[in-house]
Amino acid sequence: GYGNLGRGIEAAIRQNPDMELAAVFTRRAP
């Protein structure tokens, strides 16, 4: 899910060096 919270998660991952964003899943057309 990539709404307000999803975008916040993406930003937070960037501040945690031990984590990486692997994929985003959406009900919209990707």
Full PDB file with SEQRES, HELIX, SHEET, SSBOND, CRYST1, ORIGX, SCALE, CONECT and MASTER records, all heavy atoms in Angstrom:
SEQRES   1 A   30  GLY TYR GLY ASN LEU GLY ARG GLY ILE GLU ALA ALA ILE          
SEQRES   2 A   30  ARG GLN ASN PRO ASP MET GLU LEU ALA ALA VAL PHE THR          
SEQRES   3 A   30  ARG ARG ALA PRO                                              
HELIX    1 AA1 ASN A    4  ARG A   14  1                                  11    
CRYST1    1.000    1.000    1.000  90.00  90.00  90.00 P 1           1          
ORIGX1      1.000000  0.000000  0.000000        0.00000                         
ORIGX2      0.000000  1.000000  0.000000        0.00000                         
ORIGX3      0.000000  0.000000  1.000000        0.00000                         
SCALE1      1.000000  0.000000  0.000000        0.00000                         
SCALE2      0.000000  1.000000  0.000000        0.00000                         
SCALE3      0.000000  0.000000  1.000000        0.00000                         
ATOM      1  N   GLY A   1       0.838  -1.198   0.000  1.00  0.00           N  
ATOM      2  CA  GLY A   1       0.000   0.000   0.000  1.00  0.00           C  
ATOM      3  C   GLY A   1       0.869   1.242   0.000  1.00  0.00           C  
ATOM      4  O   GLY A   1       1.756   1.390   0.844  1.00  0.00           O  
ATOM      5  N   TYR A   2       0.627   2.147  -0.938  1.00  0.00           N  
ATOM      6  CA  TYR A   2       1.526   3.288  -1.097  1.00  0.00           C  
ATOM      7  C   TYR A   2       0.742   4.600  -1.061  1.00  0.00           C  
ATOM      8  O   TYR A   2       0.634   5.317  -2.048  1.00  0.00           O  
ATOM      9  CB  TYR A   2       2.320   3.161  -2.395  1.00  0.00           C  
ATOM     10  CG  TYR A   2       3.494   4.110  -2.488  1.00  0.00           C  
ATOM     11  CD1 TYR A   2       4.629   3.920  -1.714  1.00  0.00           C  
ATOM     12  CD2 TYR A   2       3.467   5.201  -3.357  1.00  0.00           C  
ATOM     13  CE1 TYR A   2       5.714   4.784  -1.793  1.00  0.00           C  
ATOM     14  CE2 TYR A   2       4.538   6.066  -3.448  1.00  0.00           C  
ATOM     15  CZ  TYR A   2       5.659   5.862  -2.664  1.00  0.00           C  
ATOM     16  OH  TYR A   2       6.722   6.727  -2.735  1.00  0.00           O  
ATOM     17  N   GLY A   3       0.168   4.894   0.121  1.00  0.00           N  
ATOM     18  CA  GLY A   3      -0.446   6.188   0.365  1.00  0.00           C  
ATOM     19  C   GLY A   3       0.464   7.011   1.255  1.00  0.00           C  
ATOM     20  O   GLY A   3       1.688   6.902   1.193  1.00  0.00           O  
ATOM     21  N   ASN A   4      -0.137   7.833   2.125  1.00  0.00           N  
ATOM     22  CA  ASN A   4       0.659   8.677   3.017  1.00  0.00           C  
ATOM     23  C   ASN A   4       1.579   7.851   3.914  1.00  0.00           C  
ATOM     24  O   ASN A   4       2.749   8.180   4.098  1.00  0.00           O  
ATOM     25  CB  ASN A   4      -0.260   9.533   3.887  1.00  0.00           C  
ATOM     26  CG  ASN A   4      -0.964  10.615   3.099  1.00  0.00           C  
ATOM     27  OD1 ASN A   4      -0.411  11.159   2.142  1.00  0.00           O  
ATOM     28  ND2 ASN A   4      -2.190  10.937   3.482  1.00  0.00           N  
ATOM     29  N   LEU A   5       1.031   6.772   4.487  1.00  0.00           N  
ATOM     30  CA  LEU A   5       1.843   5.946   5.373  1.00  0.00           C  
ATOM     31  C   LEU A   5       2.926   5.208   4.598  1.00  0.00           C  
ATOM     32  O   LEU A   5       4.077   5.117   5.041  1.00  0.00           O  
ATOM     33  CB  LEU A   5       0.961   4.954   6.130  1.00  0.00           C  
ATOM     34  CG  LEU A   5       1.670   4.065   7.155  1.00  0.00           C  
ATOM     35  CD1 LEU A   5       2.392   4.907   8.205  1.00  0.00           C  
ATOM     36  CD2 LEU A   5       0.680   3.112   7.820  1.00  0.00           C  
ATOM     37  N   GLY A   6       2.589   4.686   3.434  1.00  0.00           N  
ATOM     38  CA  GLY A   6       3.575   3.986   2.622  1.00  0.00           C  
ATOM     39  C   GLY A   6       4.740   4.877   2.233  1.00  0.00           C  
ATOM     40  O   GLY A   6       5.910   4.459   2.271  1.00  0.00           O  
ATOM     41  N   ARG A   7       4.435   6.121   1.870  1.00  0.00           N  
ATOM     42  CA  ARG A   7       5.512   7.065   1.540  1.00  0.00           C  
ATOM     43  C   ARG A   7       6.358   7.367   2.777  1.00  0.00           C  
ATOM     44  O   ARG A   7       7.581   7.528   2.684  1.00  0.00           O  
ATOM     45  CB  ARG A   7       4.918   8.347   0.957  1.00  0.00           C  
ATOM     46  CG  ARG A   7       4.432   8.183  -0.482  1.00  0.00           C  
ATOM     47  CD  ARG A   7       4.003   9.499  -1.086  1.00  0.00           C  
ATOM     48  NE  ARG A   7       2.738   9.957  -0.526  1.00  0.00           N  
ATOM     49  CZ  ARG A   7       1.541   9.639  -1.011  1.00  0.00           C  
ATOM     50  NH1 ARG A   7       1.462   8.831  -2.063  1.00  0.00           N  
ATOM     51  NH2 ARG A   7       0.435  10.089  -0.458  1.00  0.00           N  
ATOM     52  N   GLY A   8       5.698   7.441   3.943  1.00  0.00           N  
ATOM     53  CA  GLY A   8       6.452   7.642   5.180  1.00  0.00           C  
ATOM     54  C   GLY A   8       7.375   6.475   5.485  1.00  0.00           C  
ATOM     55  O   GLY A   8       8.512   6.663   5.944  1.00  0.00           O  
ATOM     56  N   ILE A   9       6.902   5.251   5.237  1.00  0.00           N  
ATOM     57  CA  ILE A   9       7.740   4.065   5.437  1.00  0.00           C  
ATOM     58  C   ILE A   9       8.959   4.123   4.525  1.00  0.00           C  
ATOM     59  O   ILE A   9      10.092   3.857   4.945  1.00  0.00           O  
ATOM     60  CB  ILE A   9       6.933   2.777   5.156  1.00  0.00           C  
ATOM     61  CG1 ILE A   9       5.757   2.618   6.138  1.00  0.00           C  
ATOM     62  CG2 ILE A   9       7.847   1.560   5.175  1.00  0.00           C  
ATOM     63  CD1 ILE A   9       6.147   2.359   7.561  1.00  0.00           C  
ATOM     64  N   GLU A  10       8.739   4.485   3.275  1.00  0.00           N  
ATOM     65  CA  GLU A  10       9.843   4.570   2.329  1.00  0.00           C  
ATOM     66  C   GLU A  10      10.899   5.560   2.817  1.00  0.00           C  
ATOM     67  O   GLU A  10      12.109   5.285   2.770  1.00  0.00           O  
ATOM     68  CB  GLU A  10       9.316   4.988   0.954  1.00  0.00           C  
ATOM     69  CG  GLU A  10      10.389   5.049  -0.116  1.00  0.00           C  
ATOM     70  CD  GLU A  10       9.866   5.555  -1.440  1.00  0.00           C  
ATOM     71  OE1 GLU A  10       8.784   6.186  -1.470  1.00  0.00           O  
ATOM     72  OE2 GLU A  10      10.555   5.341  -2.456  1.00  0.00           O  
ATOM     73  N   ALA A  11      10.454   6.712   3.311  1.00  0.00           N  
ATOM     74  CA  ALA A  11      11.397   7.719   3.814  1.00  0.00           C  
ATOM     75  C   ALA A  11      12.128   7.212   5.057  1.00  0.00           C  
ATOM     76  O   ALA A  11      13.335   7.439   5.218  1.00  0.00           O  
ATOM     77  CB  ALA A  11      10.649   9.015   4.125  1.00  0.00           C  
ATOM     78  N   ALA A  12      11.411   6.516   5.951  1.00  0.00           N  
ATOM     79  CA  ALA A  12      12.023   6.025   7.188  1.00  0.00           C  
ATOM     80  C   ALA A  12      13.085   4.967   6.907  1.00  0.00           C  
ATOM     81  O   ALA A  12      14.119   4.911   7.590  1.00  0.00           O  
ATOM     82  CB  ALA A  12      10.951   5.466   8.121  1.00  0.00           C  
ATOM     83  N   ILE A  13      12.852   4.117   5.919  1.00  0.00           N  
ATOM     84  CA  ILE A  13      13.827   3.084   5.570  1.00  0.00           C  
ATOM     85  C   ILE A  13      15.157   3.719   5.186  1.00  0.00           C  
ATOM     86  O   ILE A  13      16.236   3.214   5.520  1.00  0.00           O  
ATOM     87  CB  ILE A  13      13.283   2.192   4.440  1.00  0.00           C  
ATOM     88  CG1 ILE A  13      12.123   1.322   4.957  1.00  0.00           C  
ATOM     89  CG2 ILE A  13      14.383   1.306   3.857  1.00  0.00           C  
ATOM     90  CD1 ILE A  13      11.383   0.585   3.860  1.00  0.00           C  
ATOM     91  N   ARG A  14      15.102   4.870   4.510  1.00  0.00           N  
ATOM     92  CA  ARG A  14      16.322   5.561   4.083  1.00  0.00           C  
ATOM     93  C   ARG A  14      17.162   6.022   5.278  1.00  0.00           C  
ATOM     94  O   ARG A  14      18.360   6.257   5.146  1.00  0.00           O  
ATOM     95  CB  ARG A  14      15.957   6.770   3.213  1.00  0.00           C  
ATOM     96  CG  ARG A  14      15.370   6.388   1.858  1.00  0.00           C  
ATOM     97  CD  ARG A  14      14.790   7.600   1.156  1.00  0.00           C  
ATOM     98  NE  ARG A  14      15.812   8.576   0.809  1.00  0.00           N  
ATOM     99  CZ  ARG A  14      16.492   8.578  -0.332  1.00  0.00           C  
ATOM    100  NH1 ARG A  14      16.267   7.628  -1.234  1.00  0.00           N  
ATOM    101  NH2 ARG A  14      17.370   9.515  -0.591  1.00  0.00           N  
ATOM    102  N   GLN A  15      16.553   6.167   6.442  1.00  0.00           N  
ATOM    103  CA  GLN A  15      17.275   6.625   7.632  1.00  0.00           C  
ATOM    104  C   GLN A  15      17.792   5.459   8.480  1.00  0.00           C  
ATOM    105  O   GLN A  15      18.355   5.685   9.547  1.00  0.00           O  
ATOM    106  CB  GLN A  15      16.366   7.529   8.477  1.00  0.00           C  
ATOM    107  CG  GLN A  15      15.954   8.802   7.760  1.00  0.00           C  
ATOM    108  CD  GLN A  15      15.082   9.699   8.611  1.00  0.00           C  
ATOM    109  OE1 GLN A  15      14.530   9.282   9.613  1.00  0.00           O  
ATOM    110  NE2 GLN A  15      14.966  10.950   8.198  1.00  0.00           N  
ATOM    111  N   ASN A  16      17.587   4.242   8.016  1.00  0.00           N  
ATOM    112  CA  ASN A  16      18.025   3.055   8.743  1.00  0.00           C  
ATOM    113  C   ASN A  16      18.971   2.248   7.864  1.00  0.00           C  
ATOM    114  O   ASN A  16      18.521   1.478   7.001  1.00  0.00           O  
ATOM    115  CB  ASN A  16      16.814   2.212   9.156  1.00  0.00           C  
ATOM    116  CG  ASN A  16      16.003   2.868  10.255  1.00  0.00           C  
ATOM    117  OD1 ASN A  16      16.257   2.655  11.431  1.00  0.00           O  
ATOM    118  ND2 ASN A  16      15.018   3.688   9.872  1.00  0.00           N  
ATOM    119  N   PRO A  17      20.283   2.385   8.062  1.00  0.00           N  
ATOM    120  CA  PRO A  17      21.260   1.748   7.171  1.00  0.00           C  
ATOM    121  C   PRO A  17      21.207   0.234   7.136  1.00  0.00           C  
ATOM    122  O   PRO A  17      21.714  -0.376   6.192  1.00  0.00           O  
ATOM    123  CB  PRO A  17      22.605   2.222   7.743  1.00  0.00           C  
ATOM    124  CG  PRO A  17      22.295   3.471   8.502  1.00  0.00           C  
ATOM    125  CD  PRO A  17      20.923   3.261   9.066  1.00  0.00           C  
ATOM    126  N   ASP A  18      20.592  -0.384   8.152  1.00  0.00           N  
ATOM    127  CA  ASP A  18      20.516  -1.846   8.159  1.00  0.00           C  
ATOM    128  C   ASP A  18      19.286  -2.359   7.431  1.00  0.00           C  
ATOM    129  O   ASP A  18      18.982  -3.550   7.478  1.00  0.00           O  
ATOM    130  CB  ASP A  18      20.535  -2.385   9.598  1.00  0.00           C  
ATOM    131  CG  ASP A  18      19.342  -1.921  10.419  1.00  0.00           C  
ATOM    132  OD1 ASP A  18      18.787  -0.836  10.121  1.00  0.00           O  
ATOM    133  OD2 ASP A  18      18.955  -2.640  11.367  1.00  0.00           O  
ATOM    134  N   MET A  19      18.575  -1.463   6.726  1.00  0.00           N  
ATOM    135  CA  MET A  19      17.359  -1.856   6.011  1.00  0.00           C  
ATOM    136  C   MET A  19      17.418  -1.401   4.561  1.00  0.00           C  
ATOM    137  O   MET A  19      18.082  -0.421   4.230  1.00  0.00           O  
ATOM    138  CB  MET A  19      16.130  -1.238   6.675  1.00  0.00           C  
ATOM    139  CG  MET A  19      15.861  -1.743   8.076  1.00  0.00           C  
ATOM    140  SD  MET A  19      14.322  -1.051   8.712  1.00  0.00           S  
ATOM    141  CE  MET A  19      14.044  -2.152  10.100  1.00  0.00           C  
ATOM    142  N   GLU A  20      16.691  -2.127   3.713  1.00  0.00           N  
ATOM    143  CA  GLU A  20      16.557  -1.714   2.321  1.00  0.00           C  
ATOM    144  C   GLU A  20      15.137  -1.985   1.848  1.00  0.00           C  
ATOM    145  O   GLU A  20      14.508  -2.965   2.270  1.00  0.00           O  
ATOM    146  CB  GLU A  20      17.553  -2.461   1.440  1.00  0.00           C  
ATOM    147  CG  GLU A  20      17.367  -3.973   1.416  1.00  0.00           C  
ATOM    148  CD  GLU A  20      18.334  -4.667   0.470  1.00  0.00           C  
ATOM    149  OE1 GLU A  20      18.192  -4.453  -0.754  1.00  0.00           O  
ATOM    150  OE2 GLU A  20      19.198  -5.412   0.945  1.00  0.00           O  
ATOM    151  N   LEU A  21      14.636  -1.111   0.997  1.00  0.00           N  
ATOM    152  CA  LEU A  21      13.322  -1.311   0.409  1.00  0.00           C  
ATOM    153  C   LEU A  21      13.449  -2.306  -0.727  1.00  0.00           C  
ATOM    154  O   LEU A  21      14.178  -2.076  -1.697  1.00  0.00           O  
ATOM    155  CB  LEU A  21      12.755   0.019  -0.095  1.00  0.00           C  
ATOM    156  CG  LEU A  21      11.377  -0.047  -0.760  1.00  0.00           C  
ATOM    157  CD1 LEU A  21      10.318  -0.599   0.205  1.00  0.00           C  
ATOM    158  CD2 LEU A  21      10.958   1.342  -1.258  1.00  0.00           C  
ATOM    159  N   ALA A  22      12.724  -3.425  -0.600  1.00  0.00           N  
ATOM    160  CA  ALA A  22      12.819  -4.480  -1.610  1.00  0.00           C  
ATOM    161  C   ALA A  22      11.762  -4.345  -2.699  1.00  0.00           C  
ATOM    162  O   ALA A  22      12.036  -4.617  -3.875  1.00  0.00           O  
ATOM    163  CB  ALA A  22      12.683  -5.850  -0.943  1.00  0.00           C  
ATOM    164  N   ALA A  23      10.536  -3.929  -2.308  1.00  0.00           N  
ATOM    165  CA  ALA A  23       9.461  -3.830  -3.291  1.00  0.00           C  
ATOM    166  C   ALA A  23       8.284  -3.086  -2.682  1.00  0.00           C  
ATOM    167  O   ALA A  23       8.106  -3.053  -1.458  1.00  0.00           O  
ATOM    168  CB  ALA A  23       9.008  -5.217  -3.753  1.00  0.00           C  
ATOM    169  N   VAL A  24       7.476  -2.507  -3.549  1.00  0.00           N  
ATOM    170  CA  VAL A  24       6.221  -1.865  -3.160  1.00  0.00           C  
ATOM    171  C   VAL A  24       5.093  -2.600  -3.870  1.00  0.00           C  
ATOM    172  O   VAL A  24       5.205  -2.926  -5.067  1.00  0.00           O  
ATOM    173  CB  VAL A  24       6.214  -0.370  -3.542  1.00  0.00           C  
ATOM    174  CG1 VAL A  24       4.831   0.240  -3.334  1.00  0.00           C  
ATOM    175  CG2 VAL A  24       7.259   0.398  -2.736  1.00  0.00           C  
ATOM    176  N   PHE A  25       3.998  -2.862  -3.144  1.00  0.00           N  
ATOM    177  CA  PHE A  25       2.845  -3.546  -3.705  1.00  0.00           C  
ATOM    178  C   PHE A  25       1.636  -2.620  -3.625  1.00  0.00           C  
ATOM    179  O   PHE A  25       1.399  -1.967  -2.604  1.00  0.00           O  
ATOM    180  CB  PHE A  25       2.572  -4.847  -2.942  1.00  0.00           C  
ATOM    181  CG  PHE A  25       3.693  -5.834  -3.042  1.00  0.00           C  
ATOM    182  CD1 PHE A  25       4.752  -5.797  -2.145  1.00  0.00           C  
ATOM    183  CD2 PHE A  25       3.714  -6.777  -4.057  1.00  0.00           C  
ATOM    184  CE1 PHE A  25       5.809  -6.684  -2.245  1.00  0.00           C  
ATOM    185  CE2 PHE A  25       4.767  -7.676  -4.172  1.00  0.00           C  
ATOM    186  CZ  PHE A  25       5.820  -7.632  -3.264  1.00  0.00           C  
ATOM    187  N   THR A  26       0.876  -2.556  -4.714  1.00  0.00           N  
ATOM    188  CA  THR A  26      -0.236  -1.624  -4.803  1.00  0.00           C  
ATOM    189  C   THR A  26      -1.419  -2.282  -5.484  1.00  0.00           C  
ATOM    190  O   THR A  26      -1.259  -3.198  -6.302  1.00  0.00           O  
ATOM    191  CB  THR A  26       0.182  -0.366  -5.591  1.00  0.00           C  
ATOM    192  OG1 THR A  26      -0.938   0.526  -5.710  1.00  0.00           O  
ATOM    193  CG2 THR A  26       0.670  -0.733  -6.989  1.00  0.00           C  
ATOM    194  N   ARG A  27      -2.633  -1.805  -5.113  1.00  0.00           N  
ATOM    195  CA  ARG A  27      -3.834  -2.266  -5.801  1.00  0.00           C  
ATOM    196  C   ARG A  27      -4.089  -1.470  -7.073  1.00  0.00           C  
ATOM    197  O   ARG A  27      -4.955  -1.822  -7.871  1.00  0.00           O  
ATOM    198  CB  ARG A  27      -5.041  -2.178  -4.861  1.00  0.00           C  
ATOM    199  CG  ARG A  27      -4.999  -3.203  -3.747  1.00  0.00           C  
ATOM    200  CD  ARG A  27      -6.169  -3.092  -2.797  1.00  0.00           C  
ATOM    201  NE  ARG A  27      -6.127  -1.876  -2.002  1.00  0.00           N  
ATOM    202  CZ  ARG A  27      -6.852  -1.673  -0.902  1.00  0.00           C  
ATOM    203  NH1 ARG A  27      -7.683  -2.608  -0.482  1.00  0.00           N  
ATOM    204  NH2 ARG A  27      -6.762  -0.556  -0.234  1.00  0.00           N  
ATOM    205  N   ARG A  28      -3.351  -0.388  -7.248  1.00  0.00           N  
ATOM    206  CA  ARG A  28      -3.451   0.402  -8.470  1.00  0.00           C  
ATOM    207  C   ARG A  28      -2.621  -0.238  -9.582  1.00  0.00           C  
ATOM    208  O   ARG A  28      -1.881  -1.198  -9.345  1.00  0.00           O  
ATOM    209  CB  ARG A  28      -2.946   1.832  -8.214  1.00  0.00           C  
ATOM    210  CG  ARG A  28      -3.856   2.650  -7.313  1.00  0.00           C  
ATOM    211  CD  ARG A  28      -3.234   3.999  -6.990  1.00  0.00           C  
ATOM    212  NE  ARG A  28      -2.279   3.925  -5.892  1.00  0.00           N  
ATOM    213  CZ  ARG A  28      -1.448   4.908  -5.559  1.00  0.00           C  
ATOM    214  NH1 ARG A  28      -1.443   6.024  -6.258  1.00  0.00           N  
ATOM    215  NH2 ARG A  28      -0.623   4.756  -4.528  1.00  0.00           N  
ATOM    216  N   ALA A  29      -2.731   0.290 -10.774  1.00  0.00           N  
ATOM    217  CA  ALA A  29      -1.868  -0.182 -11.856  1.00  0.00           C  
ATOM    218  C   ALA A  29      -0.427   0.190 -11.500  1.00  0.00           C  
ATOM    219  O   ALA A  29      -0.128   1.375 -11.300  1.00  0.00           O  
ATOM    220  CB  ALA A  29      -2.276   0.459 -13.178  1.00  0.00           C  
ATOM    221  N   PRO A  30       0.481  -0.791 -11.382  1.00  0.00           N  
ATOM    222  CA  PRO A  30       1.835  -0.490 -10.914  1.00  0.00           C  
ATOM    223  C   PRO A  30       2.552   0.594 -11.708  1.00  0.00           C  
ATOM    224  O   PRO A  30       3.310   1.389 -11.148  1.00  0.00           O  
ATOM    225  CB  PRO A  30       2.550  -1.834 -11.049  1.00  0.00           C  
ATOM    226  CG  PRO A  30       1.461  -2.853 -10.926  1.00  0.00           C  
ATOM    227  CD  PRO A  30       0.269  -2.232 -11.593  1.00  0.00           C  
TER     228      PRO A  30                                                      
MASTER        0    0    0    1    0    0    0    6  227    1    0    3          
END                                                                             
